[in-house]
Structure formats: C-alpha cells, structure tokens
Amino acid sequence: MENALIAFVSIMVLGGVIFYSLWWEGGNVGFTFAKWFFGIFFVAALVVGGYTYFMS
C-alpha cells in the first residue's frame, strides 16, 4: 500500500514541477490549461497508483 501511495505522490509532484517550470518560463499558462494539465496528471497518478497497488 505504501508503494502505491509513493507512486501516486511521485506522479503528482512530477506534474507540479513540470507546471512550475512552464509557468516560470513565462508561457501562456491560463486557467483552462492548468485545469486540463492537472486533470491529466491526476488521472495518470490514479492509474499508476492503482496499478502499483494491485500488482504488488
């Protein structure tokens, strides 16, 4: 169970770091982009966490 939580948090942190780097570069990061970006990373984190949970 701990491995699944670590996998979930790792993907969310990765998404946060990528988003921060995009924002820092001064790109056109609007609310719509942020909503879709974090939605996609949240789904990816759920998939990876679920896969890790059920395969361990």
PDB file of N, CA and C in Angstrom:
ATOM      1  N   MET A   1       0.820  -1.193   0.000  1.00  0.00           N
ATOM      2  CA  MET A   1       0.000   0.000   0.000  1.00  0.00           C
ATOM      3  C   MET A   1       0.869   1.264   0.000  1.00  0.00           C
ATOM      4  N   GLU A   2       1.981   1.219   0.730  1.00  0.00           N
ATOM      5  CA  GLU A   2       2.857   2.387   0.772  1.00  0.00           C
ATOM      6  C   GLU A   2       3.458   2.666  -0.596  1.00  0.00           C
ATOM      7  N   ASN A   3       3.766   1.607  -1.354  1.00  0.00           N
ATOM      8  CA  ASN A   3       4.336   1.796  -2.685  1.00  0.00           C
ATOM      9  C   ASN A   3       3.353   2.499  -3.615  1.00  0.00           C
ATOM     10  N   ALA A   4       2.079   2.171  -3.506  1.00  0.00           N
ATOM     11  CA  ALA A   4       1.067   2.815  -4.343  1.00  0.00           C
ATOM     12  C   ALA A   4       0.947   4.291  -3.986  1.00  0.00           C
ATOM     13  N   LEU A   5       1.008   4.604  -2.701  1.00  0.00           N
ATOM     14  CA  LEU A   5       0.941   5.999  -2.276  1.00  0.00           C
ATOM     15  C   LEU A   5       2.166   6.765  -2.758  1.00  0.00           C
ATOM     16  N   ILE A   6       3.328   6.148  -2.675  1.00  0.00           N
ATOM     17  CA  ILE A   6       4.551   6.785  -3.161  1.00  0.00           C
ATOM     18  C   ILE A   6       4.461   7.026  -4.666  1.00  0.00           C
ATOM     19  N   ALA A   7       3.933   6.065  -5.414  1.00  0.00           N
ATOM     20  CA  ALA A   7       3.786   6.222  -6.862  1.00  0.00           C
ATOM     21  C   ALA A   7       2.817   7.363  -7.184  1.00  0.00           C
ATOM     22  N   PHE A   8       1.701   7.436  -6.459  1.00  0.00           N
ATOM     23  CA  PHE A   8       0.711   8.487  -6.678  1.00  0.00           C
ATOM     24  C   PHE A   8       1.317   9.861  -6.406  1.00  0.00           C
ATOM     25  N   VAL A   9       1.969   9.998  -5.268  1.00  0.00           N
ATOM     26  CA  VAL A   9       2.553  11.285  -4.890  1.00  0.00           C
ATOM     27  C   VAL A   9       3.678  11.666  -5.848  1.00  0.00           C
ATOM     28  N   SER A  10       4.457  10.696  -6.291  1.00  0.00           N
ATOM     29  CA  SER A  10       5.560  10.985  -7.213  1.00  0.00           C
ATOM     30  C   SER A  10       5.051  11.553  -8.525  1.00  0.00           C
ATOM     31  N   ILE A  11       3.978  10.992  -9.061  1.00  0.00           N
ATOM     32  CA  ILE A  11       3.423  11.500 -10.314  1.00  0.00           C
ATOM     33  C   ILE A  11       2.847  12.898 -10.112  1.00  0.00           C
ATOM     34  N   MET A  12       2.190  13.146  -8.982  1.00  0.00           N
ATOM     35  CA  MET A  12       1.644  14.477  -8.724  1.00  0.00           C
ATOM     36  C   MET A  12       2.764  15.510  -8.553  1.00  0.00           C
ATOM     37  N   VAL A  13       3.844  15.132  -7.898  1.00  0.00           N
ATOM     38  CA  VAL A  13       4.972  16.047  -7.735  1.00  0.00           C
ATOM     39  C   VAL A  13       5.614  16.327  -9.093  1.00  0.00           C
ATOM     40  N   LEU A  14       5.750  15.290  -9.917  1.00  0.00           N
ATOM     41  CA  LEU A  14       6.295  15.470 -11.255  1.00  0.00           C
ATOM     42  C   LEU A  14       5.446  16.458 -12.052  1.00  0.00           C
ATOM     43  N   GLY A  15       4.134  16.319 -11.979  1.00  0.00           N
ATOM     44  CA  GLY A  15       3.242  17.257 -12.653  1.00  0.00           C
ATOM     45  C   GLY A  15       3.397  18.671 -12.128  1.00  0.00           C
ATOM     46  N   GLY A  16       3.545  18.814 -10.816  1.00  0.00           N
ATOM     47  CA  GLY A  16       3.748  20.131 -10.230  1.00  0.00           C
ATOM     48  C   GLY A  16       5.050  20.777 -10.672  1.00  0.00           C
ATOM     49  N   VAL A  17       6.099  19.988 -10.748  1.00  0.00           N
ATOM     50  CA  VAL A  17       7.396  20.517 -11.183  1.00  0.00           C
ATOM     51  C   VAL A  17       7.342  20.944 -12.643  1.00  0.00           C
ATOM     52  N   ILE A  18       6.725  20.137 -13.478  1.00  0.00           N
ATOM     53  CA  ILE A  18       6.603  20.492 -14.894  1.00  0.00           C
ATOM     54  C   ILE A  18       5.749  21.751 -15.052  1.00  0.00           C
ATOM     55  N   PHE A  19       4.645  21.832 -14.316  1.00  0.00           N
ATOM     56  CA  PHE A  19       3.790  23.016 -14.398  1.00  0.00           C
ATOM     57  C   PHE A  19       4.535  24.259 -13.928  1.00  0.00           C
ATOM     58  N   TYR A  20       5.278  24.135 -12.838  1.00  0.00           N
ATOM     59  CA  TYR A  20       6.039  25.275 -12.320  1.00  0.00           C
ATOM     60  C   TYR A  20       7.088  25.735 -13.324  1.00  0.00           C
ATOM     61  N   SER A  21       7.755  24.774 -13.972  1.00  0.00           N
ATOM     62  CA  SER A  21       8.767  25.161 -14.958  1.00  0.00           C
ATOM     63  C   SER A  21       8.127  25.842 -16.167  1.00  0.00           C
ATOM     64  N   LEU A  22       6.955  25.381 -16.591  1.00  0.00           N
ATOM     65  CA  LEU A  22       6.247  26.049 -17.690  1.00  0.00           C
ATOM     66  C   LEU A  22       5.825  27.462 -17.283  1.00  0.00           C
ATOM     67  N   TRP A  23       5.353  27.596 -16.061  1.00  0.00           N
ATOM     68  CA  TRP A  23       4.924  28.898 -15.574  1.00  0.00           C
ATOM     69  C   TRP A  23       6.118  29.839 -15.434  1.00  0.00           C
ATOM     70  N   TRP A  24       7.230  29.318 -14.951  1.00  0.00           N
ATOM     71  CA  TRP A  24       8.415  30.138 -14.730  1.00  0.00           C
ATOM     72  C   TRP A  24       8.983  30.654 -16.052  1.00  0.00           C
ATOM     73  N   GLU A  25       8.889  29.867 -17.115  1.00  0.00           N
ATOM     74  CA  GLU A  25       9.397  30.292 -18.414  1.00  0.00           C
ATOM     75  C   GLU A  25       8.545  31.402 -19.025  1.00  0.00           C
ATOM     76  N   GLY A  26       7.418  31.693 -18.437  1.00  0.00           N
ATOM     77  CA  GLY A  26       6.596  32.797 -18.902  1.00  0.00           C
ATOM     78  C   GLY A  26       5.660  32.417 -20.029  1.00  0.00           C
ATOM     79  N   GLY A  27       5.384  31.132 -20.170  1.00  0.00           N
ATOM     80  CA  GLY A  27       4.458  30.701 -21.205  1.00  0.00           C
ATOM     81  C   GLY A  27       3.043  31.160 -20.898  1.00  0.00           C
ATOM     82  N   ASN A  28       2.203  31.032 -21.845  1.00  0.00           N
ATOM     83  CA  ASN A  28       0.815  31.445 -21.686  1.00  0.00           C
ATOM     84  C   ASN A  28       0.057  30.358 -20.925  1.00  0.00           C
ATOM     85  N   VAL A  29       0.223  30.359 -19.611  1.00  0.00           N
ATOM     86  CA  VAL A  29      -0.397  29.357 -18.756  1.00  0.00           C
ATOM     87  C   VAL A  29      -1.659  29.965 -18.162  1.00  0.00           C
ATOM     88  N   GLY A  30      -2.786  29.595 -18.727  1.00  0.00           N
ATOM     89  CA  GLY A  30      -4.056  30.101 -18.239  1.00  0.00           C
ATOM     90  C   GLY A  30      -4.760  29.078 -17.366  1.00  0.00           C
ATOM     91  N   PHE A  31      -5.931  29.452 -16.875  1.00  0.00           N
ATOM     92  CA  PHE A  31      -6.699  28.564 -16.001  1.00  0.00           C
ATOM     93  C   PHE A  31      -7.152  27.310 -16.729  1.00  0.00           C
ATOM     94  N   THR A  32      -7.560  27.445 -17.995  1.00  0.00           N
ATOM     95  CA  THR A  32      -8.021  26.284 -18.761  1.00  0.00           C
ATOM     96  C   THR A  32      -6.889  25.285 -18.952  1.00  0.00           C
ATOM     97  N   PHE A  33      -5.704  25.783 -19.289  1.00  0.00           N
ATOM     98  CA  PHE A  33      -4.547  24.897 -19.437  1.00  0.00           C
ATOM     99  C   PHE A  33      -4.226  24.212 -18.122  1.00  0.00           C
ATOM    100  N   ALA A  34      -4.227  24.965 -17.031  1.00  0.00           N
ATOM    101  CA  ALA A  34      -3.900  24.400 -15.717  1.00  0.00           C
ATOM    102  C   ALA A  34      -4.908  23.325 -15.325  1.00  0.00           C
ATOM    103  N   LYS A  35      -6.182  23.589 -15.598  1.00  0.00           N
ATOM    104  CA  LYS A  35      -7.231  22.624 -15.262  1.00  0.00           C
ATOM    105  C   LYS A  35      -7.020  21.308 -16.014  1.00  0.00           C
ATOM    106  N   TRP A  36      -6.784  21.381 -17.306  1.00  0.00           N
ATOM    107  CA  TRP A  36      -6.556  20.176 -18.099  1.00  0.00           C
ATOM    108  C   TRP A  36      -5.251  19.490 -17.725  1.00  0.00           C
ATOM    109  N   PHE A  37      -4.213  20.264 -17.498  1.00  0.00           N
ATOM    110  CA  PHE A  37      -2.906  19.718 -17.161  1.00  0.00           C
ATOM    111  C   PHE A  37      -2.972  18.903 -15.867  1.00  0.00           C
ATOM    112  N   PHE A  38      -3.530  19.502 -14.817  1.00  0.00           N
ATOM    113  CA  PHE A  38      -3.608  18.783 -13.542  1.00  0.00           C
ATOM    114  C   PHE A  38      -4.640  17.664 -13.583  1.00  0.00           C
ATOM    115  N   GLY A  39      -5.673  17.794 -14.392  1.00  0.00           N
ATOM    116  CA  GLY A  39      -6.625  16.696 -14.562  1.00  0.00           C
ATOM    117  C   GLY A  39      -5.974  15.482 -15.191  1.00  0.00           C
ATOM    118  N   ILE A  40      -5.171  15.720 -16.217  1.00  0.00           N
ATOM    119  CA  ILE A  40      -4.471  14.615 -16.884  1.00  0.00           C
ATOM    120  C   ILE A  40      -3.464  13.982 -15.937  1.00  0.00           C
ATOM    121  N   PHE A  41      -2.709  14.799 -15.200  1.00  0.00           N
ATOM    122  CA  PHE A  41      -1.743  14.241 -14.261  1.00  0.00           C
ATOM    123  C   PHE A  41      -2.425  13.525 -13.111  1.00  0.00           C
ATOM    124  N   PHE A  42      -3.601  13.978 -12.677  1.00  0.00           N
ATOM    125  CA  PHE A  42      -4.328  13.290 -11.617  1.00  0.00           C
ATOM    126  C   PHE A  42      -4.794  11.914 -12.080  1.00  0.00           C
ATOM    127  N   VAL A  43      -5.308  11.838 -13.294  1.00  0.00           N
ATOM    128  CA  VAL A  43      -5.725  10.538 -13.842  1.00  0.00           C
ATOM    129  C   VAL A  43      -4.518   9.614 -13.993  1.00  0.00           C
ATOM    130  N   ALA A  44      -3.405  10.156 -14.488  1.00  0.00           N
ATOM    131  CA  ALA A  44      -2.193   9.343 -14.626  1.00  0.00           C
ATOM    132  C   ALA A  44      -1.723   8.847 -13.262  1.00  0.00           C
ATOM    133  N   ALA A  45      -1.799   9.695 -12.236  1.00  0.00           N
ATOM    134  CA  ALA A  45      -1.388   9.287 -10.895  1.00  0.00           C
ATOM    135  C   ALA A  45      -2.311   8.206 -10.342  1.00  0.00           C
ATOM    136  N   LEU A  46      -3.609   8.319 -10.620  1.00  0.00           N
ATOM    137  CA  LEU A  46      -4.541   7.274 -10.181  1.00  0.00           C
ATOM    138  C   LEU A  46      -4.252   5.946 -10.873  1.00  0.00           C
ATOM    139  N   VAL A  47      -3.970   5.994 -12.161  1.00  0.00           N
ATOM    140  CA  VAL A  47      -3.671   4.768 -12.907  1.00  0.00           C
ATOM    141  C   VAL A  47      -2.395   4.121 -12.386  1.00  0.00           C
ATOM    142  N   VAL A  48      -1.344   4.915 -12.228  1.00  0.00           N
ATOM    143  CA  VAL A  48      -0.076   4.362 -11.756  1.00  0.00           C
ATOM    144  C   VAL A  48      -0.205   3.860 -10.320  1.00  0.00           C
ATOM    145  N   GLY A  49      -0.865   4.613  -9.464  1.00  0.00           N
ATOM    146  CA  GLY A  49      -1.079   4.172  -8.082  1.00  0.00           C
ATOM    147  C   GLY A  49      -1.912   2.910  -8.012  1.00  0.00           C
ATOM    148  N   GLY A  50      -2.979   2.856  -8.797  1.00  0.00           N
ATOM    149  CA  GLY A  50      -3.819   1.652  -8.828  1.00  0.00           C
ATOM    150  C   GLY A  50      -3.085   0.448  -9.353  1.00  0.00           C
ATOM    151  N   TYR A  51      -2.315   0.642 -10.402  1.00  0.00           N
ATOM    152  CA  TYR A  51      -1.516  -0.458 -10.969  1.00  0.00           C
ATOM    153  C   TYR A  51      -0.511  -0.965  -9.939  1.00  0.00           C
ATOM    154  N   THR A  52       0.160  -0.034  -9.269  1.00  0.00           N
ATOM    155  CA  THR A  52       1.137  -0.430  -8.254  1.00  0.00           C
ATOM    156  C   THR A  52       0.462  -1.143  -7.093  1.00  0.00           C
ATOM    157  N   TYR A  53      -0.709  -0.679  -6.690  1.00  0.00           N
ATOM    158  CA  TYR A  53      -1.428  -1.286  -5.575  1.00  0.00           C
ATOM    159  C   TYR A  53      -1.867  -2.714  -5.896  1.00  0.00           C
ATOM    160  N   PHE A  54      -2.420  -2.917  -7.086  1.00  0.00           N
ATOM    161  CA  PHE A  54      -2.955  -4.236  -7.417  1.00  0.00           C
ATOM    162  C   PHE A  54      -1.890  -5.219  -7.894  1.00  0.00           C
ATOM    163  N   MET A  55      -0.750  -4.712  -8.340  1.00  0.00           N
ATOM    164  CA  MET A  55       0.298  -5.624  -8.819  1.00  0.00           C
ATOM    165  C   MET A  55       1.310  -5.975  -7.722  1.00  0.00           C
ATOM    166  N   SER A  56       1.236  -5.321  -6.564  1.00  0.00           N
ATOM    167  CA  SER A  56       2.188  -5.643  -5.506  1.00  0.00           C
ATOM    168  C   SER A  56       1.633  -6.643  -4.522  1.00  0.00           C
TER     169      SER A  56
END
